[in-house]
Amino acid sequence: MAAPIKNQIMVKCFLPDEISLGGIFVPDSAKKDSNRVTIVAVGKGTKKRPMKLKAGQIGYRVMDWGLPFEENGEKFYVMDADAIIAVE
């Protein structure tokens, strides 16, 4: 598996719901990646900016940030740790 460096993290987005809260079926063409993510791997940080996030945490990312890539059929994003705006 790819490993992020410095202040980079690797995340996996939660899958969007198949049915909306109102009970309407959402087609694949209307689905976007969620901004709710699971942090899969983290870099070591730097002396000036130690890494505060940990693998396994659930967080919320700024939409449309990160470099998307696929590994073993799964979609991941690599991004700067500053793209995570909140954690649960």
PDB file of N, CA and C in Angstrom:
ATOM      1  N   MET A   1       0.845  -1.182   0.000  1.00  0.00           N
ATOM      2  CA  MET A   1       0.000   0.000   0.000  1.00  0.00           C
ATOM      3  C   MET A   1       0.891   1.245   0.000  1.00  0.00           C
ATOM      4  N   ALA A   2       0.442   2.259  -0.698  1.00  0.00           N
ATOM      5  CA  ALA A   2       1.181   3.523  -0.757  1.00  0.00           C
ATOM      6  C   ALA A   2       1.243   4.147   0.631  1.00  0.00           C
ATOM      7  N   ALA A   3       2.331   4.853   0.912  1.00  0.00           N
ATOM      8  CA  ALA A   3       2.501   5.487   2.222  1.00  0.00           C
ATOM      9  C   ALA A   3       2.750   6.985   2.032  1.00  0.00           C
ATOM     10  N   PRO A   4       1.962   7.825   2.698  1.00  0.00           N
ATOM     11  CA  PRO A   4       2.173   9.270   2.587  1.00  0.00           C
ATOM     12  C   PRO A   4       3.441   9.706   3.322  1.00  0.00           C
ATOM     13  N   ILE A   5       4.005  10.847   2.917  1.00  0.00           N
ATOM     14  CA  ILE A   5       5.207  11.377   3.557  1.00  0.00           C
ATOM     15  C   ILE A   5       4.904  12.735   4.178  1.00  0.00           C
ATOM     16  N   LYS A   6       5.769  13.174   5.075  1.00  0.00           N
ATOM     17  CA  LYS A   6       5.682  14.468   5.767  1.00  0.00           C
ATOM     18  C   LYS A   6       4.278  14.721   6.304  1.00  0.00           C
ATOM     19  N   ASN A   7       3.644  15.821   5.907  1.00  0.00           N
ATOM     20  CA  ASN A   7       2.320  16.179   6.423  1.00  0.00           C
ATOM     21  C   ASN A   7       1.184  15.726   5.517  1.00  0.00           C
ATOM     22  N   GLN A   8       1.430  14.695   4.727  1.00  0.00           N
ATOM     23  CA  GLN A   8       0.397  14.168   3.844  1.00  0.00           C
ATOM     24  C   GLN A   8      -0.345  13.035   4.543  1.00  0.00           C
ATOM     25  N   ILE A   9      -1.600  12.857   4.158  1.00  0.00           N
ATOM     26  CA  ILE A   9      -2.412  11.762   4.686  1.00  0.00           C
ATOM     27  C   ILE A   9      -3.094  11.052   3.525  1.00  0.00           C
ATOM     28  N   MET A  10      -3.496   9.816   3.754  1.00  0.00           N
ATOM     29  CA  MET A  10      -4.273   9.069   2.777  1.00  0.00           C
ATOM     30  C   MET A  10      -5.629   8.783   3.399  1.00  0.00           C
ATOM     31  N   VAL A  11      -6.698   9.082   2.650  1.00  0.00           N
ATOM     32  CA  VAL A  11      -8.048   8.898   3.168  1.00  0.00           C
ATOM     33  C   VAL A  11      -8.887   8.089   2.191  1.00  0.00           C
ATOM     34  N   LYS A  12      -9.955   7.513   2.725  1.00  0.00           N
ATOM     35  CA  LYS A  12     -10.945   6.811   1.914  1.00  0.00           C
ATOM     36  C   LYS A  12     -12.299   7.427   2.233  1.00  0.00           C
ATOM     37  N   CYS A  13     -13.023   7.820   1.201  1.00  0.00           N
ATOM     38  CA  CYS A  13     -14.324   8.462   1.394  1.00  0.00           C
ATOM     39  C   CYS A  13     -15.386   7.429   1.752  1.00  0.00           C
ATOM     40  N   PHE A  14     -16.341   7.854   2.572  1.00  0.00           N
ATOM     41  CA  PHE A  14     -17.509   7.029   2.827  1.00  0.00           C
ATOM     42  C   PHE A  14     -18.331   6.981   1.551  1.00  0.00           C
ATOM     43  N   LEU A  15     -18.971   5.875   1.274  1.00  0.00           N
ATOM     44  CA  LEU A  15     -19.793   5.754   0.077  1.00  0.00           C
ATOM     45  C   LEU A  15     -21.089   6.531   0.261  1.00  0.00           C
ATOM     46  N   PRO A  16     -21.548   7.225  -0.783  1.00  0.00           N
ATOM     47  CA  PRO A  16     -22.818   7.936  -0.677  1.00  0.00           C
ATOM     48  C   PRO A  16     -23.968   6.949  -0.543  1.00  0.00           C
ATOM     49  N   ASP A  17     -25.040   7.403   0.068  1.00  0.00           N
ATOM     50  CA  ASP A  17     -26.212   6.550   0.271  1.00  0.00           C
ATOM     51  C   ASP A  17     -26.884   6.225  -1.060  1.00  0.00           C
ATOM     52  N   GLU A  18     -27.459   5.027  -1.146  1.00  0.00           N
ATOM     53  CA  GLU A  18     -28.198   4.618  -2.340  1.00  0.00           C
ATOM     54  C   GLU A  18     -29.554   5.324  -2.410  1.00  0.00           C
ATOM     55  N   ILE A  19     -30.120   5.606  -1.243  1.00  0.00           N
ATOM     56  CA  ILE A  19     -31.438   6.241  -1.180  1.00  0.00           C
ATOM     57  C   ILE A  19     -31.318   7.491  -0.324  1.00  0.00           C
ATOM     58  N   SER A  20     -31.909   8.593  -0.774  1.00  0.00           N
ATOM     59  CA  SER A  20     -31.847   9.852  -0.032  1.00  0.00           C
ATOM     60  C   SER A  20     -32.698   9.761   1.228  1.00  0.00           C
ATOM     61  N   LEU A  21     -32.568  10.762   2.099  1.00  0.00           N
ATOM     62  CA  LEU A  21     -33.353  10.776   3.337  1.00  0.00           C
ATOM     63  C   LEU A  21     -34.848  10.798   3.053  1.00  0.00           C
ATOM     64  N   GLY A  22     -35.251  11.373   1.925  1.00  0.00           N
ATOM     65  CA  GLY A  22     -36.667  11.436   1.560  1.00  0.00           C
ATOM     66  C   GLY A  22     -37.167  10.177   0.886  1.00  0.00           C
ATOM     67  N   GLY A  23     -36.311   9.176   0.713  1.00  0.00           N
ATOM     68  CA  GLY A  23     -36.717   7.916   0.115  1.00  0.00           C
ATOM     69  C   GLY A  23     -36.566   7.863  -1.394  1.00  0.00           C
ATOM     70  N   ILE A  24     -35.896   8.848  -1.981  1.00  0.00           N
ATOM     71  CA  ILE A  24     -35.706   8.887  -3.428  1.00  0.00           C
ATOM     72  C   ILE A  24     -34.425   8.140  -3.787  1.00  0.00           C
ATOM     73  N   PHE A  25     -34.509   7.269  -4.797  1.00  0.00           N
ATOM     74  CA  PHE A  25     -33.343   6.527  -5.272  1.00  0.00           C
ATOM     75  C   PHE A  25     -32.373   7.496  -5.937  1.00  0.00           C
ATOM     76  N   VAL A  26     -31.096   7.414  -5.575  1.00  0.00           N
ATOM     77  CA  VAL A  26     -30.066   8.289  -6.140  1.00  0.00           C
ATOM     78  C   VAL A  26     -29.278   7.496  -7.184  1.00  0.00           C
ATOM     79  N   PRO A  27     -29.339   7.895  -8.472  1.00  0.00           N
ATOM     80  CA  PRO A  27     -28.597   7.156  -9.502  1.00  0.00           C
ATOM     81  C   PRO A  27     -27.095   7.383  -9.382  1.00  0.00           C
ATOM     82  N   ASP A  28     -26.308   6.454  -9.930  1.00  0.00           N
ATOM     83  CA  ASP A  28     -24.848   6.551  -9.863  1.00  0.00           C
ATOM     84  C   ASP A  28     -24.319   7.847 -10.463  1.00  0.00           C
ATOM     85  N   SER A  29     -24.971   8.342 -11.513  1.00  0.00           N
ATOM     86  CA  SER A  29     -24.492   9.558 -12.178  1.00  0.00           C
ATOM     87  C   SER A  29     -24.608  10.792 -11.292  1.00  0.00           C
ATOM     88  N   ALA A  30     -25.438  10.753 -10.255  1.00  0.00           N
ATOM     89  CA  ALA A  30     -25.633  11.908  -9.374  1.00  0.00           C
ATOM     90  C   ALA A  30     -24.805  11.817  -8.098  1.00  0.00           C
ATOM     91  N   LYS A  31     -24.116  10.713  -7.902  1.00  0.00           N
ATOM     92  CA  LYS A  31     -23.353  10.529  -6.670  1.00  0.00           C
ATOM     93  C   LYS A  31     -21.989  11.194  -6.763  1.00  0.00           C
ATOM     94  N   LYS A  32     -21.578  11.823  -5.691  1.00  0.00           N
ATOM     95  CA  LYS A  32     -20.236  12.392  -5.577  1.00  0.00           C
ATOM     96  C   LYS A  32     -19.586  11.768  -4.352  1.00  0.00           C
ATOM     97  N   ASP A  33     -18.261  11.809  -4.307  1.00  0.00           N
ATOM     98  CA  ASP A  33     -17.574  11.322  -3.120  1.00  0.00           C
ATOM     99  C   ASP A  33     -17.959  12.182  -1.929  1.00  0.00           C
ATOM    100  N   SER A  34     -18.111  11.552  -0.810  1.00  0.00           N
ATOM    101  CA  SER A  34     -18.485  12.238   0.419  1.00  0.00           C
ATOM    102  C   SER A  34     -17.306  13.034   0.965  1.00  0.00           C
ATOM    103  N   ASN A  35     -17.617  14.073   1.745  1.00  0.00           N
ATOM    104  CA  ASN A  35     -16.524  14.788   2.407  1.00  0.00           C
ATOM    105  C   ASN A  35     -16.204  14.142   3.755  1.00  0.00           C
ATOM    106  N   ARG A  36     -16.970  13.131   4.158  1.00  0.00           N
ATOM    107  CA  ARG A  36     -16.685  12.362   5.377  1.00  0.00           C
ATOM    108  C   ARG A  36     -15.728  11.233   4.990  1.00  0.00           C
ATOM    109  N   VAL A  37     -14.604  11.148   5.688  1.00  0.00           N
ATOM    110  CA  VAL A  37     -13.552  10.212   5.294  1.00  0.00           C
ATOM    111  C   VAL A  37     -13.026   9.427   6.489  1.00  0.00           C
ATOM    112  N   THR A  38     -12.438   8.284   6.183  1.00  0.00           N
ATOM    113  CA  THR A  38     -11.658   7.530   7.151  1.00  0.00           C
ATOM    114  C   THR A  38     -10.194   7.766   6.820  1.00  0.00           C
ATOM    115  N   ILE A  39      -9.412   8.147   7.804  1.00  0.00           N
ATOM    116  CA  ILE A  39      -7.986   8.360   7.595  1.00  0.00           C
ATOM    117  C   ILE A  39      -7.320   6.989   7.614  1.00  0.00           C
ATOM    118  N   VAL A  40      -6.708   6.631   6.491  1.00  0.00           N
ATOM    119  CA  VAL A  40      -6.134   5.297   6.317  1.00  0.00           C
ATOM    120  C   VAL A  40      -4.676   5.259   6.746  1.00  0.00           C
ATOM    121  N   ALA A  41      -3.913   6.286   6.378  1.00  0.00           N
ATOM    122  CA  ALA A  41      -2.484   6.338   6.706  1.00  0.00           C
ATOM    123  C   ALA A  41      -2.061   7.793   6.838  1.00  0.00           C
ATOM    124  N   VAL A  42      -1.050   8.030   7.659  1.00  0.00           N
ATOM    125  CA  VAL A  42      -0.552   9.395   7.872  1.00  0.00           C
ATOM    126  C   VAL A  42       0.967   9.411   7.720  1.00  0.00           C
ATOM    127  N   GLY A  43       1.489  10.562   7.281  1.00  0.00           N
ATOM    128  CA  GLY A  43       2.930  10.750   7.227  1.00  0.00           C
ATOM    129  C   GLY A  43       3.469  11.011   8.629  1.00  0.00           C
ATOM    130  N   LYS A  44       4.779  11.147   8.747  1.00  0.00           N
ATOM    131  CA  LYS A  44       5.404  11.346  10.058  1.00  0.00           C
ATOM    132  C   LYS A  44       5.374  12.788  10.524  1.00  0.00           C
ATOM    133  N   GLY A  45       4.998  13.722   9.643  1.00  0.00           N
ATOM    134  CA  GLY A  45       5.024  15.130  10.007  1.00  0.00           C
ATOM    135  C   GLY A  45       6.441  15.677   9.901  1.00  0.00           C
ATOM    136  N   THR A  46       6.623  16.914  10.350  1.00  0.00           N
ATOM    137  CA  THR A  46       7.944  17.543  10.356  1.00  0.00           C
ATOM    138  C   THR A  46       8.214  18.083  11.755  1.00  0.00           C
ATOM    139  N   LYS A  47       9.418  18.574  11.995  1.00  0.00           N
ATOM    140  CA  LYS A  47       9.735  19.131  13.315  1.00  0.00           C
ATOM    141  C   LYS A  47       8.854  20.327  13.634  1.00  0.00           C
ATOM    142  N   LYS A  48       8.604  21.165  12.637  1.00  0.00           N
ATOM    143  CA  LYS A  48       7.791  22.362  12.857  1.00  0.00           C
ATOM    144  C   LYS A  48       6.297  22.062  12.869  1.00  0.00           C
ATOM    145  N   ARG A  49       5.899  21.000  12.183  1.00  0.00           N
ATOM    146  CA  ARG A  49       4.480  20.641  12.098  1.00  0.00           C
ATOM    147  C   ARG A  49       4.301  19.154  12.371  1.00  0.00           C
ATOM    148  N   PRO A  50       4.294  18.754  13.649  1.00  0.00           N
ATOM    149  CA  PRO A  50       4.101  17.333  13.950  1.00  0.00           C
ATOM    150  C   PRO A  50       2.699  16.875  13.531  1.00  0.00           C
ATOM    151  N   MET A  51       2.589  15.615  13.159  1.00  0.00           N
ATOM    152  CA  MET A  51       1.313  15.061  12.716  1.00  0.00           C
ATOM    153  C   MET A  51       0.391  14.858  13.913  1.00  0.00           C
ATOM    154  N   LYS A  52      -0.792  15.431  13.845  1.00  0.00           N
ATOM    155  CA  LYS A  52      -1.767  15.312  14.930  1.00  0.00           C
ATOM    156  C   LYS A  52      -2.854  14.285  14.621  1.00  0.00           C
ATOM    157  N   LEU A  53      -3.001  13.922  13.355  1.00  0.00           N
ATOM    158  CA  LEU A  53      -4.016  12.951  12.963  1.00  0.00           C
ATOM    159  C   LEU A  53      -3.462  11.537  13.097  1.00  0.00           C
ATOM    160  N   LYS A  54      -4.381  10.574  13.252  1.00  0.00           N
ATOM    161  CA  LYS A  54      -3.986   9.169  13.388  1.00  0.00           C
ATOM    162  C   LYS A  54      -4.802   8.320  12.421  1.00  0.00           C
ATOM    163  N   ALA A  55      -4.198   7.253  11.954  1.00  0.00           N
ATOM    164  CA  ALA A  55      -4.918   6.307  11.101  1.00  0.00           C
ATOM    165  C   ALA A  55      -6.099   5.739  11.878  1.00  0.00           C
ATOM    166  N   GLY A  56      -7.223   5.602  11.204  1.00  0.00           N
ATOM    167  CA  GLY A  56      -8.427   5.070  11.830  1.00  0.00           C
ATOM    168  C   GLY A  56      -9.412   6.140  12.269  1.00  0.00           C
ATOM    169  N   GLN A  57      -8.969   7.387  12.361  1.00  0.00           N
ATOM    170  CA  GLN A  57      -9.883   8.462  12.741  1.00  0.00           C
ATOM    171  C   GLN A  57     -10.850   8.749  11.596  1.00  0.00           C
ATOM    172  N   ILE A  58     -12.032   9.238  11.956  1.00  0.00           N
ATOM    173  CA  ILE A  58     -13.011   9.675  10.969  1.00  0.00           C
ATOM    174  C   ILE A  58     -13.012  11.190  10.980  1.00  0.00           C
ATOM    175  N   GLY A  59     -12.958  11.773   9.793  1.00  0.00           N
ATOM    176  CA  GLY A  59     -12.893  13.224   9.701  1.00  0.00           C
ATOM    177  C   GLY A  59     -13.693  13.749   8.529  1.00  0.00           C
ATOM    178  N   TYR A  60     -13.646  15.062   8.371  1.00  0.00           N
ATOM    179  CA  TYR A  60     -14.333  15.745   7.278  1.00  0.00           C
ATOM    180  C   TYR A  60     -13.307  16.549   6.501  1.00  0.00           C
ATOM    181  N   ARG A  61     -13.295  16.378   5.182  1.00  0.00           N
ATOM    182  CA  ARG A  61     -12.298  17.034   4.343  1.00  0.00           C
ATOM    183  C   ARG A  61     -12.915  18.189   3.573  1.00  0.00           C
ATOM    184  N   VAL A  62     -12.063  19.092   3.137  1.00  0.00           N
ATOM    185  CA  VAL A  62     -12.492  20.139   2.230  1.00  0.00           C
ATOM    186  C   VAL A  62     -12.792  19.461   0.895  1.00  0.00           C
ATOM    187  N   MET A  63     -13.955  19.724   0.327  1.00  0.00           N
ATOM    188  CA  MET A  63     -14.334  19.079  -0.934  1.00  0.00           C
ATOM    189  C   MET A  63     -13.365  19.440  -2.049  1.00  0.00           C
ATOM    190  N   ASP A  64     -13.167  18.507  -2.951  1.00  0.00           N
ATOM    191  CA  ASP A  64     -12.334  18.668  -4.148  1.00  0.00           C
ATOM    192  C   ASP A  64     -10.865  18.899  -3.836  1.00  0.00           C
ATOM    193  N   TRP A  65     -10.392  18.485  -2.679  1.00  0.00           N
ATOM    194  CA  TRP A  65      -8.963  18.523  -2.361  1.00  0.00           C
ATOM    195  C   TRP A  65      -8.438  17.108  -2.417  1.00  0.00           C
ATOM    196  N   GLY A  66      -7.200  16.977  -2.770  1.00  0.00           N
ATOM    197  CA  GLY A  66      -6.542  15.681  -2.738  1.00  0.00           C
ATOM    198  C   GLY A  66      -6.343  15.086  -4.116  1.00  0.00           C
ATOM    199  N   LEU A  67      -5.348  14.239  -4.191  1.00  0.00           N
ATOM    200  CA  LEU A  67      -5.013  13.536  -5.418  1.00  0.00           C
ATOM    201  C   LEU A  67      -5.673  12.163  -5.381  1.00  0.00           C
ATOM    202  N   PRO A  68      -6.648  11.896  -6.264  1.00  0.00           N
ATOM    203  CA  PRO A  68      -7.310  10.593  -6.248  1.00  0.00           C
ATOM    204  C   PRO A  68      -6.445   9.519  -6.907  1.00  0.00           C
ATOM    205  N   PHE A  69      -6.504   8.315  -6.363  1.00  0.00           N
ATOM    206  CA  PHE A  69      -5.853   7.169  -7.009  1.00  0.00           C
ATOM    207  C   PHE A  69      -6.549   5.900  -6.554  1.00  0.00           C
ATOM    208  N   GLU A  70      -6.391   4.851  -7.347  1.00  0.00           N
ATOM    209  CA  GLU A  70      -6.995   3.564  -7.021  1.00  0.00           C
ATOM    210  C   GLU A  70      -5.910   2.547  -6.732  1.00  0.00           C
ATOM    211  N   GLU A  71      -6.182   1.730  -5.735  1.00  0.00           N
ATOM    212  CA  GLU A  71      -5.278   0.641  -5.389  1.00  0.00           C
ATOM    213  C   GLU A  71      -6.129  -0.564  -5.024  1.00  0.00           C
ATOM    214  N   ASN A  72      -5.902  -1.672  -5.686  1.00  0.00           N
ATOM    215  CA  ASN A  72      -6.676  -2.905  -5.472  1.00  0.00           C
ATOM    216  C   ASN A  72      -8.174  -2.667  -5.628  1.00  0.00           C
ATOM    217  N   GLY A  73      -8.559  -1.816  -6.577  1.00  0.00           N
ATOM    218  CA  GLY A  73      -9.969  -1.555  -6.843  1.00  0.00           C
ATOM    219  C   GLY A  73     -10.640  -0.595  -5.879  1.00  0.00           C
ATOM    220  N   GLU A  74      -9.916  -0.053  -4.919  1.00  0.00           N
ATOM    221  CA  GLU A  74     -10.481   0.902  -3.967  1.00  0.00           C
ATOM    222  C   GLU A  74      -9.969   2.302  -4.282  1.00  0.00           C
ATOM    223  N   LYS A  75     -10.827   3.307  -4.085  1.00  0.00           N
ATOM    224  CA  LYS A  75     -10.456   4.689  -4.383  1.00  0.00           C
ATOM    225  C   LYS A  75      -9.996   5.391  -3.109  1.00  0.00           C
ATOM    226  N   PHE A  76      -8.825   6.013  -3.178  1.00  0.00           N
ATOM    227  CA  PHE A  76      -8.245   6.761  -2.067  1.00  0.00           C
ATOM    228  C   PHE A  76      -7.884   8.162  -2.532  1.00  0.00           C
ATOM    229  N   TYR A  77      -7.643   9.046  -1.575  1.00  0.00           N
ATOM    230  CA  TYR A  77      -7.128  10.384  -1.853  1.00  0.00           C
ATOM    231  C   TYR A  77      -5.903  10.616  -0.977  1.00  0.00           C
ATOM    232  N   VAL A  78      -4.879  11.245  -1.537  1.00  0.00           N
ATOM    233  CA  VAL A  78      -3.732  11.703  -0.756  1.00  0.00           C
ATOM    234  C   VAL A  78      -3.821  13.215  -0.727  1.00  0.00           C
ATOM    235  N   MET A  79      -3.712  13.798   0.468  1.00  0.00           N
ATOM    236  CA  MET A  79      -3.855  15.244   0.621  1.00  0.00           C
ATOM    237  C   MET A  79      -3.066  15.727   1.816  1.00  0.00           C
ATOM    238  N   ASP A  80      -2.915  17.032   1.901  1.00  0.00           N
ATOM    239  CA  ASP A  80      -2.261  17.640   3.047  1.00  0.00           C
ATOM    240  C   ASP A  80      -3.164  17.480   4.272  1.00  0.00           C
ATOM    241  N   ALA A  81      -2.584  17.299   5.426  1.00  0.00           N
ATOM    242  CA  ALA A  81      -3.366  17.122   6.653  1.00  0.00           C
ATOM    243  C   ALA A  81      -4.250  18.332   6.937  1.00  0.00           C
ATOM    244  N   ASP A  82      -3.872  19.508   6.431  1.00  0.00           N
ATOM    245  CA  ASP A  82      -4.683  20.709   6.643  1.00  0.00           C
ATOM    246  C   ASP A  82      -6.022  20.652   5.918  1.00  0.00           C
ATOM    247  N   ALA A  83      -6.204  19.708   4.997  1.00  0.00           N
ATOM    248  CA  ALA A  83      -7.472  19.563   4.288  1.00  0.00           C
ATOM    249  C   ALA A  83      -8.542  18.930   5.170  1.00  0.00           C
ATOM    250  N   ILE A  84      -8.140  18.354   6.302  1.00  0.00           N
ATOM    251  CA  ILE A  84      -9.105  17.802   7.260  1.00  0.00           C
ATOM    252  C   ILE A  84      -9.520  18.939   8.185  1.00  0.00           C
ATOM    253  N   ILE A  85     -10.817  19.265   8.159  1.00  0.00           N
ATOM    254  CA  ILE A  85     -11.281  20.423   8.918  1.00  0.00           C
ATOM    255  C   ILE A  85     -11.907  20.053  10.257  1.00  0.00           C
ATOM    256  N   ALA A  86     -12.230  18.769  10.460  1.00  0.00           N
ATOM    257  CA  ALA A  86     -12.793  18.326  11.739  1.00  0.00           C
ATOM    258  C   ALA A  86     -12.647  16.815  11.847  1.00  0.00           C
ATOM    259  N   VAL A  87     -12.579  16.311  13.075  1.00  0.00           N
ATOM    260  CA  VAL A  87     -12.548  14.867  13.313  1.00  0.00           C
ATOM    261  C   VAL A  87     -13.626  14.518  14.325  1.00  0.00           C
ATOM    262  N   GLU A  88     -14.100  13.282  14.252  1.00  0.00           N
ATOM    263  CA  GLU A  88     -15.126  12.815  15.198  1.00  0.00           C
ATOM    264  C   GLU A  88     -14.469  12.231  16.420  1.00  0.00           C
TER     265      GLU A  88
END
